[in-house]
Amino acid sequence: MSHTSIYPTVITKPELFLDVCREHGHFVTACKGGNLYGSNSVPNAVNSIKMSMWQYPIYLTSEGVIAYDNFMSQRGSMDQLGMTLQAYNEQAIMADAYSHCDNVYHNVLPDGTKELVLEFS
């Protein structure tokens, strides 16, 4: 069984992602490459993100890919990573929407989900 993984989301706005990480209390540092379990390296890593519920850092590559080591989900909380990515995706969508719409906001529905509302004139 593999220890290392590549998250399927591609980060298209890396600075926004790093800001979201900081907002969620994750420790972000710049790096030139990184190492995962054993001899698995991430030579194109440009940022290391240490999340509170993860044993090892995750890495953001120059291509916007997230690489991490989470053997059998024992080394980190996928929920924590998922919540961070959800917050990033929401902010990225809002940023794009603001550039094309007159008004952008979201409603929180009774079940807790969010509805994005875009208004055009």
Foldseek 3Di string as FASTA:
>chain_A
DDFKDKDPDAAPPVVLLVVLLVVLVKDKDFDQWADAPDRDIGRQFGMWTHDPFFQGTWTQGPRRIIMYGQVVVPGGDVVVVVVSVVVSVVVVVVVVLVVPAPDWDWDQDPVRDIDIDGHHD
